[in-house]
Amino acid sequence: MNPRVIDAKPDVDFKLKLTFSNGEKRVFDVKPYLNTGRFTELKNSAMFSSVVCTLGSIQWQNGLDLCPDTLYEESEPYIKAKV
C-alpha cells in the first residue's frame, strides 16, 4: 500500500505540492485530467485552489477527488520535479 496524503497545496500551472505520510514531498500534475469530464471545472483557478486533504487523499470543493495511489504513483519527487 502506498503512503497517504497528509498535506496538499495548489501550485502554478495546475500542479499540486503533496506531502505523504512517509514524509516524501511530491508534485502531481493535474493538467492531463483537465479535459476530462467534470475535471474541466478545475480550470477555474478558484476551484483548483480549493483542494484539501481528506481521508488520506485530496478533494476539491466541487466533490472531485483522486485516488491516493494515483497521486503517489503519478507524481514526481519535489526536488526533481519541474514546477
C-alpha atoms as a PDB file:
ATOM      1  CA  MET A   1       0.000   0.000   0.000  1.00  0.00           C
ATOM      2  CA  ASN A   2       1.297   3.429  -0.956  1.00  0.00           C
ATOM      3  CA  PRO A   3       1.583   6.260   1.571  1.00  0.00           C
ATOM      4  CA  ARG A   4      -1.362   8.614   2.016  1.00  0.00           C
ATOM      5  CA  VAL A   5      -1.561  12.367   1.514  1.00  0.00           C
ATOM      6  CA  ILE A   6      -1.236  14.445   4.674  1.00  0.00           C
ATOM      7  CA  ASP A   7      -0.901  17.892   3.068  1.00  0.00           C
ATOM      8  CA  ALA A   8      -1.798  19.390  -0.321  1.00  0.00           C
ATOM      9  CA  LYS A   9      -1.109  22.838  -1.691  1.00  0.00           C
ATOM     10  CA  PRO A  10      -2.079  24.167  -5.124  1.00  0.00           C
ATOM     11  CA  ASP A  11       0.852  25.404  -7.197  1.00  0.00           C
ATOM     12  CA  VAL A  12       1.394  27.109 -10.529  1.00  0.00           C
ATOM     13  CA  ASP A  13       0.459  25.510 -13.850  1.00  0.00           C
ATOM     14  CA  PHE A  14      -2.170  23.172 -12.323  1.00  0.00           C
ATOM     15  CA  LYS A  15       0.269  21.273 -10.150  1.00  0.00           C
ATOM     16  CA  LEU A  16      -0.178  20.147  -6.570  1.00  0.00           C
ATOM     17  CA  LYS A  17       2.563  20.041  -3.939  1.00  0.00           C
ATOM     18  CA  LEU A  18       1.808  16.960  -1.867  1.00  0.00           C
ATOM     19  CA  THR A  19       3.257  15.662   1.377  1.00  0.00           C
ATOM     20  CA  PHE A  20       2.764  11.961   2.042  1.00  0.00           C
ATOM     21  CA  SER A  21       2.572  10.016   5.287  1.00  0.00           C
ATOM     22  CA  ASN A  22       6.102   8.644   4.732  1.00  0.00           C
ATOM     23  CA  GLY A  23       7.496  12.204   4.711  1.00  0.00           C
ATOM     24  CA  GLU A  24       8.007  12.412   0.952  1.00  0.00           C
ATOM     25  CA  LYS A  25       7.184  15.674  -0.796  1.00  0.00           C
ATOM     26  CA  ARG A  26       5.988  15.175  -4.365  1.00  0.00           C
ATOM     27  CA  VAL A  27       4.422  17.168  -7.210  1.00  0.00           C
ATOM     28  CA  PHE A  28       1.340  15.934  -9.056  1.00  0.00           C
ATOM     29  CA  ASP A  29       0.435  17.439 -12.438  1.00  0.00           C
ATOM     30  CA  VAL A  30      -3.343  17.779 -12.837  1.00  0.00           C
ATOM     31  CA  LYS A  31      -3.135  19.111 -16.438  1.00  0.00           C
ATOM     32  CA  PRO A  32      -3.687  15.694 -18.108  1.00  0.00           C
ATOM     33  CA  TYR A  33      -7.075  15.471 -16.373  1.00  0.00           C
ATOM     34  CA  LEU A  34      -8.344  18.963 -17.210  1.00  0.00           C
ATOM     35  CA  ASN A  35     -10.104  17.994 -20.449  1.00  0.00           C
ATOM     36  CA  THR A  36     -11.919  15.001 -18.951  1.00  0.00           C
ATOM     37  CA  GLY A  37     -15.485  15.135 -17.623  1.00  0.00           C
ATOM     38  CA  ARG A  38     -16.024  17.261 -14.550  1.00  0.00           C
ATOM     39  CA  PHE A  39     -12.282  17.796 -14.154  1.00  0.00           C
ATOM     40  CA  THR A  40     -12.726  20.656 -16.652  1.00  0.00           C
ATOM     41  CA  GLU A  41     -14.180  22.593 -13.691  1.00  0.00           C
ATOM     42  CA  LEU A  42     -10.661  22.693 -12.216  1.00  0.00           C
ATOM     43  CA  LYS A  43      -9.568  25.061 -14.995  1.00  0.00           C
ATOM     44  CA  ASN A  44     -11.173  27.721 -12.803  1.00  0.00           C
ATOM     45  CA  SER A  45      -8.305  28.854 -10.573  1.00  0.00           C
ATOM     46  CA  ALA A  46     -10.543  29.384  -7.543  1.00  0.00           C
ATOM     47  CA  MET A  47     -11.880  25.840  -7.847  1.00  0.00           C
ATOM     48  CA  PHE A  48      -8.392  24.399  -8.370  1.00  0.00           C
ATOM     49  CA  SER A  49      -7.164  26.246  -5.288  1.00  0.00           C
ATOM     50  CA  SER A  50      -9.961  24.787  -3.142  1.00  0.00           C
ATOM     51  CA  VAL A  51      -8.086  21.470  -2.808  1.00  0.00           C
ATOM     52  CA  VAL A  52      -7.973  19.959   0.698  1.00  0.00           C
ATOM     53  CA  CYS A  53      -6.727  16.723   2.258  1.00  0.00           C
ATOM     54  CA  THR A  54      -9.381  14.231   3.245  1.00  0.00           C
ATOM     55  CA  LEU A  55      -9.135  10.586   4.285  1.00  0.00           C
ATOM     56  CA  GLY A  56      -5.541  10.249   3.055  1.00  0.00           C
ATOM     57  CA  SER A  57      -6.282  11.744  -0.339  1.00  0.00           C
ATOM     58  CA  ILE A  58      -7.398  15.084  -1.799  1.00  0.00           C
ATOM     59  CA  GLN A  59     -10.712  16.587  -2.731  1.00  0.00           C
ATOM     60  CA  TRP A  60     -11.877  19.817  -4.318  1.00  0.00           C
ATOM     61  CA  GLN A  61     -14.848  21.950  -3.330  1.00  0.00           C
ATOM     62  CA  ASN A  62     -16.894  20.517  -6.224  1.00  0.00           C
ATOM     63  CA  GLY A  63     -16.516  16.985  -4.803  1.00  0.00           C
ATOM     64  CA  LEU A  64     -13.909  15.720  -7.266  1.00  0.00           C
ATOM     65  CA  ASP A  65     -11.157  13.620  -5.805  1.00  0.00           C
ATOM     66  CA  LEU A  66      -8.266  11.428  -6.853  1.00  0.00           C
ATOM     67  CA  CYS A  67      -7.119   8.070  -5.554  1.00  0.00           C
ATOM     68  CA  PRO A  68      -4.151   8.384  -3.184  1.00  0.00           C
ATOM     69  CA  ASP A  69      -2.369   5.582  -5.080  1.00  0.00           C
ATOM     70  CA  THR A  70      -2.700   7.554  -8.322  1.00  0.00           C
ATOM     71  CA  LEU A  71      -1.408  10.673  -6.605  1.00  0.00           C
ATOM     72  CA  TYR A  72       1.658   8.831  -5.339  1.00  0.00           C
ATOM     73  CA  GLU A  73       2.441   6.734  -8.406  1.00  0.00           C
ATOM     74  CA  GLU A  74       1.936   9.525 -10.958  1.00  0.00           C
ATOM     75  CA  SER A  75       3.721  12.269  -9.017  1.00  0.00           C
ATOM     76  CA  GLU A  76       7.385  13.212  -9.077  1.00  0.00           C
ATOM     77  CA  PRO A  77       9.685  13.845  -6.143  1.00  0.00           C
ATOM     78  CA  TYR A  78       9.523  17.556  -5.368  1.00  0.00           C
ATOM     79  CA  ILE A  79      13.271  18.110  -5.669  1.00  0.00           C
ATOM     80  CA  LYS A  80      13.382  16.710  -9.197  1.00  0.00           C
ATOM     81  CA  ALA A  81      10.000  17.968 -10.348  1.00  0.00           C
ATOM     82  CA  LYS A  82       9.827  20.894 -12.726  1.00  0.00           C
ATOM     83  CA  VAL A  83       7.400  23.274 -11.112  1.00  0.00           C
END
